[in-house]
Amino acid sequence: MEGRRFEDRPRKRFSSQPPVKVGERYRVKIEAMGKAGDGIARIKGFVIFVPKTQIGDEVEIVINNVKQKFAFAEVIG
């Protein structure tokens, strides 16, 4: 069997509140790229889209928009 694609990974369901809030800061590692070119990091399995990053980048971010299944952040520092 070939390797699993990113889209084939099992997804965690967050039935309650997402594990991040607007304004919170984190240090994350970018592990994948989204379709629109944003880097993807995860916090407790929750997807965070981070523009202007590449796979392997370790960056400090601030959360600026939170949806039920994902969030958006920007690099700070």
N, C-alpha and C. Protein backbone atom coordinates (compact mmCIF):
# COMPACT_ATOMS: atom_id res chain seq x y z
N MET A 1 0.84 -1.19 0.00
CA MET A 1 0.00 0.00 0.00
C MET A 1 0.88 1.25 0.00
N GLU A 2 0.53 2.18 -0.80
CA GLU A 2 1.31 3.42 -0.89
C GLU A 2 1.07 4.27 0.35
N GLY A 3 1.96 5.28 0.53
CA GLY A 3 1.81 6.20 1.66
C GLY A 3 0.48 6.93 1.62
N ARG A 4 0.03 7.32 2.78
CA ARG A 4 -1.25 8.02 2.85
C ARG A 4 -1.07 9.49 2.50
N ARG A 5 -2.02 10.01 1.78
CA ARG A 5 -2.01 11.43 1.46
C ARG A 5 -2.53 12.20 2.66
N PHE A 6 -2.19 13.50 2.69
CA PHE A 6 -2.65 14.37 3.77
C PHE A 6 -4.17 14.31 3.91
N GLU A 7 -4.88 14.30 2.78
CA GLU A 7 -6.34 14.31 2.81
C GLU A 7 -6.92 13.02 3.36
N ASP A 8 -6.13 11.92 3.35
CA ASP A 8 -6.61 10.63 3.82
C ASP A 8 -6.46 10.43 5.32
N ARG A 9 -5.80 11.36 5.99
CA ARG A 9 -5.60 11.22 7.43
C ARG A 9 -6.94 11.27 8.15
N PRO A 10 -7.07 10.50 9.22
CA PRO A 10 -8.29 10.63 10.02
C PRO A 10 -8.35 12.02 10.64
N ARG A 11 -9.51 12.57 10.71
CA ARG A 11 -9.68 13.92 11.26
C ARG A 11 -10.27 13.84 12.65
N LYS A 12 -9.71 14.64 13.54
CA LYS A 12 -10.28 14.74 14.88
C LYS A 12 -11.50 15.64 14.81
N ARG A 13 -12.50 15.31 15.56
CA ARG A 13 -13.71 16.13 15.63
C ARG A 13 -13.67 16.94 16.91
N PHE A 14 -13.94 18.22 16.80
CA PHE A 14 -13.97 19.10 17.95
C PHE A 14 -15.42 19.51 18.18
N SER A 15 -16.14 18.68 18.93
CA SER A 15 -17.56 18.92 19.14
C SER A 15 -17.79 20.09 20.08
N SER A 16 -16.85 20.36 20.95
CA SER A 16 -17.00 21.50 21.85
C SER A 16 -16.22 22.68 21.28
N GLN A 17 -15.57 23.41 22.12
CA GLN A 17 -14.82 24.58 21.68
C GLN A 17 -13.48 24.18 21.06
N PRO A 18 -13.02 24.91 20.06
CA PRO A 18 -11.68 24.67 19.52
C PRO A 18 -10.64 24.90 20.62
N PRO A 19 -9.47 24.26 20.53
CA PRO A 19 -8.47 24.37 21.59
C PRO A 19 -7.64 25.65 21.56
N VAL A 20 -7.95 26.58 20.66
CA VAL A 20 -7.24 27.86 20.58
C VAL A 20 -8.23 29.01 20.60
N LYS A 21 -7.73 30.20 20.97
CA LYS A 21 -8.57 31.40 21.00
C LYS A 21 -7.83 32.55 20.32
N VAL A 22 -8.60 33.49 19.80
CA VAL A 22 -8.02 34.68 19.17
C VAL A 22 -7.11 35.38 20.17
N GLY A 23 -5.93 35.77 19.70
CA GLY A 23 -4.98 36.49 20.54
C GLY A 23 -3.94 35.62 21.22
N GLU A 24 -4.17 34.31 21.27
CA GLU A 24 -3.20 33.41 21.90
C GLU A 24 -1.98 33.27 21.00
N ARG A 25 -0.82 33.07 21.65
CA ARG A 25 0.45 32.93 20.92
C ARG A 25 0.99 31.52 21.13
N TYR A 26 1.58 30.98 20.09
CA TYR A 26 2.14 29.64 20.13
C TYR A 26 3.43 29.59 19.31
N ARG A 27 4.27 28.63 19.64
CA ARG A 27 5.43 28.29 18.80
C ARG A 27 5.07 26.98 18.12
N VAL A 28 5.07 26.96 16.78
CA VAL A 28 4.62 25.79 16.03
C VAL A 28 5.61 25.44 14.92
N LYS A 29 5.49 24.22 14.43
CA LYS A 29 6.26 23.78 13.28
C LYS A 29 5.28 23.54 12.13
N ILE A 30 5.60 24.07 10.96
CA ILE A 30 4.75 23.91 9.79
C ILE A 30 4.99 22.51 9.24
N GLU A 31 3.91 21.72 9.14
CA GLU A 31 4.06 20.31 8.74
C GLU A 31 3.49 19.98 7.37
N ALA A 32 2.75 20.90 6.78
CA ALA A 32 2.15 20.64 5.47
C ALA A 32 1.80 21.98 4.83
N MET A 33 1.36 21.90 3.57
CA MET A 33 0.92 23.10 2.86
C MET A 33 -0.53 22.94 2.45
N GLY A 34 -1.31 24.00 2.61
CA GLY A 34 -2.70 23.98 2.19
C GLY A 34 -2.83 24.22 0.70
N LYS A 35 -4.01 24.02 0.18
CA LYS A 35 -4.26 24.20 -1.26
C LYS A 35 -4.00 25.62 -1.72
N ALA A 36 -4.25 26.60 -0.84
CA ALA A 36 -4.05 28.01 -1.20
C ALA A 36 -2.62 28.46 -0.97
N GLY A 37 -1.74 27.56 -0.50
CA GLY A 37 -0.34 27.91 -0.30
C GLY A 37 0.03 28.30 1.11
N ASP A 38 -0.93 28.29 2.02
CA ASP A 38 -0.63 28.59 3.42
C ASP A 38 0.01 27.38 4.08
N GLY A 39 0.91 27.64 5.04
CA GLY A 39 1.47 26.55 5.83
C GLY A 39 0.42 26.03 6.80
N ILE A 40 0.53 24.76 7.15
CA ILE A 40 -0.40 24.15 8.10
C ILE A 40 0.38 23.65 9.31
N ALA A 41 -0.05 24.11 10.48
CA ALA A 41 0.47 23.62 11.75
C ALA A 41 -0.71 23.00 12.49
N ARG A 42 -0.42 22.27 13.54
CA ARG A 42 -1.49 21.69 14.37
C ARG A 42 -1.22 21.97 15.83
N ILE A 43 -2.27 22.32 16.54
CA ILE A 43 -2.22 22.49 17.99
C ILE A 43 -3.27 21.56 18.56
N LYS A 44 -2.80 20.54 19.31
CA LYS A 44 -3.68 19.49 19.84
C LYS A 44 -4.52 18.87 18.72
N GLY A 45 -3.92 18.71 17.54
CA GLY A 45 -4.60 18.12 16.40
C GLY A 45 -5.46 19.08 15.61
N PHE A 46 -5.62 20.29 16.09
CA PHE A 46 -6.46 21.31 15.46
C PHE A 46 -5.66 22.04 14.39
N VAL A 47 -6.20 22.17 13.18
CA VAL A 47 -5.48 22.76 12.05
C VAL A 47 -5.41 24.28 12.17
N ILE A 48 -4.19 24.79 11.98
CA ILE A 48 -3.95 26.23 11.98
C ILE A 48 -3.29 26.59 10.64
N PHE A 49 -3.91 27.48 9.87
CA PHE A 49 -3.34 27.95 8.61
C PHE A 49 -2.46 29.17 8.89
N VAL A 50 -1.22 29.12 8.39
CA VAL A 50 -0.26 30.20 8.63
C VAL A 50 0.32 30.65 7.29
N PRO A 51 -0.10 31.81 6.77
CA PRO A 51 0.42 32.28 5.48
C PRO A 51 1.91 32.62 5.55
N LYS A 52 2.54 32.63 4.39
CA LYS A 52 3.94 33.03 4.23
C LYS A 52 4.90 32.13 5.01
N THR A 53 4.60 30.83 5.06
CA THR A 53 5.48 29.86 5.71
C THR A 53 5.70 28.68 4.78
N GLN A 54 6.70 27.89 5.09
CA GLN A 54 7.04 26.70 4.31
C GLN A 54 7.13 25.49 5.25
N ILE A 55 7.00 24.30 4.70
CA ILE A 55 7.13 23.08 5.49
C ILE A 55 8.48 23.08 6.18
N GLY A 56 8.47 22.77 7.46
CA GLY A 56 9.70 22.72 8.26
C GLY A 56 9.97 23.99 9.04
N ASP A 57 9.33 25.10 8.68
CA ASP A 57 9.53 26.35 9.43
C ASP A 57 9.06 26.18 10.87
N GLU A 58 9.82 26.70 11.81
CA GLU A 58 9.40 26.77 13.21
C GLU A 58 9.22 28.25 13.51
N VAL A 59 7.98 28.63 13.79
CA VAL A 59 7.64 30.05 13.91
C VAL A 59 6.78 30.30 15.14
N GLU A 60 6.81 31.55 15.58
CA GLU A 60 5.90 31.98 16.64
C GLU A 60 4.71 32.65 15.95
N ILE A 61 3.51 32.27 16.38
CA ILE A 61 2.29 32.78 15.73
C ILE A 61 1.35 33.37 16.75
N VAL A 62 0.44 34.18 16.26
CA VAL A 62 -0.70 34.65 17.05
C VAL A 62 -1.96 34.28 16.27
N ILE A 63 -2.93 33.72 16.97
CA ILE A 63 -4.20 33.31 16.37
C ILE A 63 -5.02 34.56 16.11
N ASN A 64 -5.52 34.72 14.87
CA ASN A 64 -6.32 35.92 14.59
C ASN A 64 -7.74 35.63 14.10
N ASN A 65 -8.08 34.36 13.86
CA ASN A 65 -9.45 34.01 13.45
C ASN A 65 -9.66 32.53 13.74
N VAL A 66 -10.72 32.21 14.46
CA VAL A 66 -10.99 30.81 14.82
C VAL A 66 -12.35 30.39 14.30
N LYS A 67 -12.36 29.30 13.55
CA LYS A 67 -13.59 28.66 13.07
C LYS A 67 -13.78 27.37 13.86
N GLN A 68 -14.87 26.66 13.61
CA GLN A 68 -15.14 25.43 14.36
C GLN A 68 -14.11 24.33 14.08
N LYS A 69 -13.63 24.23 12.83
CA LYS A 69 -12.73 23.13 12.47
C LYS A 69 -11.30 23.53 12.17
N PHE A 70 -11.01 24.83 12.14
CA PHE A 70 -9.66 25.30 11.85
C PHE A 70 -9.52 26.76 12.30
N ALA A 71 -8.29 27.26 12.24
CA ALA A 71 -8.03 28.65 12.62
C ALA A 71 -7.00 29.25 11.68
N PHE A 72 -6.91 30.57 11.68
CA PHE A 72 -5.91 31.30 10.93
C PHE A 72 -5.00 32.04 11.90
N ALA A 73 -3.72 32.11 11.57
CA ALA A 73 -2.77 32.80 12.42
C ALA A 73 -1.78 33.56 11.55
N GLU A 74 -1.00 34.43 12.17
CA GLU A 74 0.05 35.11 11.46
C GLU A 74 1.34 34.99 12.26
N VAL A 75 2.45 35.03 11.53
CA VAL A 75 3.76 34.94 12.15
C VAL A 75 4.05 36.26 12.87
N ILE A 76 4.61 36.17 14.08
CA ILE A 76 4.99 37.35 14.82
C ILE A 76 6.49 37.28 15.12
N GLY A 77 7.06 38.40 15.46
CA GLY A 77 8.46 38.39 15.87
C GLY A 77 9.41 38.89 14.87
